[in-house]
Protein backbone atom coordinates (compact mmCIF):
# COMPACT_ATOMS: atom_id res chain seq x y z
CA MET A 1 -17.48 -5.88 11.13
CA ASN A 2 -16.47 -2.71 9.68
CA LYS A 3 -13.95 -2.43 6.86
CA VAL A 4 -11.78 -0.35 6.35
CA LEU A 5 -9.17 -0.15 3.03
CA ILE A 6 -5.66 0.85 3.34
CA VAL A 7 -3.96 1.89 0.04
CA ASP A 8 -0.22 3.21 0.05
CA ASP A 9 2.85 2.56 -1.62
CA ASP A 10 4.48 0.96 1.48
CA LYS A 11 4.55 -2.35 2.73
CA VAL A 12 5.43 -1.64 6.21
CA THR A 13 2.91 1.48 6.34
CA ARG A 14 -0.27 -0.61 5.68
CA PHE A 15 0.79 -3.12 7.77
CA ALA A 16 1.28 -1.05 10.59
CA PHE A 17 -1.85 0.25 9.98
CA SER A 18 -2.94 -3.45 9.63
CA GLU A 19 -2.21 -4.02 13.00
CA VAL A 20 -4.25 -1.16 14.79
CA LEU A 21 -7.38 -1.44 12.92
CA ARG A 22 -7.26 -5.28 13.69
CA ASN A 23 -6.92 -4.82 16.98
CA ASN A 24 -9.91 -2.67 17.34
CA SER A 25 -12.36 -4.72 15.61
CA PHE A 26 -12.06 -3.53 12.34
CA LEU A 27 -11.33 -5.59 9.11
CA PRO A 28 -8.57 -3.70 7.12
CA LEU A 29 -7.91 -5.18 3.40
CA ASP A 30 -5.06 -3.31 2.22
CA VAL A 31 -4.15 -2.96 -1.48
CA PRO A 32 -0.53 -0.65 -2.70
CA SER A 33 -1.68 1.25 -4.90
CA GLY A 34 -4.44 3.46 -6.72
CA ARG A 35 -5.08 1.44 -9.75
CA GLN A 36 -5.51 -1.96 -7.26
CA ALA A 37 -8.24 0.27 -4.80
CA ILE A 38 -10.74 1.04 -7.42
CA GLU A 39 -10.50 -2.18 -8.86
CA LEU A 40 -11.32 -3.62 -5.00
CA PHE A 41 -13.86 -1.33 -4.96
CA LYS A 42 -15.65 -2.57 -8.39
CA LYS A 43 -15.63 -6.19 -6.02
CA GLU A 44 -16.05 -4.42 -2.68
CA ILE A 45 -17.09 -1.23 -1.16
CA PRO A 46 -15.43 -0.18 2.38
CA ASP A 47 -16.50 1.16 5.32
CA ALA A 48 -13.88 3.95 4.98
CA MET A 49 -10.70 4.32 3.50
CA LEU A 50 -7.14 5.47 4.90
CA LEU A 51 -5.05 6.62 1.47
CA ASP A 52 -1.87 7.74 1.30
CA LEU A 53 -1.78 11.03 -1.31
CA LYS A 54 1.71 10.34 -2.41
CA MET A 55 1.89 7.05 -5.00
CA PRO A 56 3.89 6.30 -7.93
CA ASP A 57 1.34 5.14 -10.22
CA MET A 58 -1.87 7.18 -9.08
CA ASP A 59 -1.69 9.13 -6.29
CA GLY A 60 -5.00 9.90 -3.85
CA ILE A 61 -5.98 12.23 -5.42
CA GLU A 62 -6.26 10.46 -8.53
CA THR A 63 -7.47 7.91 -6.82
CA MET A 64 -10.28 9.40 -5.67
CA GLN A 65 -11.11 11.16 -8.56
CA GLU A 66 -11.86 8.14 -10.86
CA LEU A 67 -13.32 6.83 -7.41
CA LYS A 68 -15.18 9.97 -7.76
CA LYS A 69 -16.01 9.72 -12.01
CA ASN A 70 -16.32 5.84 -12.01
CA ARG A 71 -19.84 5.95 -9.22
CA CYS A 72 -17.43 3.21 -7.25
């Protein structure tokens, strides 16, 4: 089953995306912040990611730069 990571600080958005993915045979993984996404990538690399660009602690661009830098 393909894993899709949802990174969004909005709980309702994460839930909605998770439901749509689950109903279409994907395994959704969700976290509320860029930092938590980076931690998750250290343990498990998803097949795809839906990433919010505007988040309070680390925005989506910073998250992608950090993932690229660390080669997670």
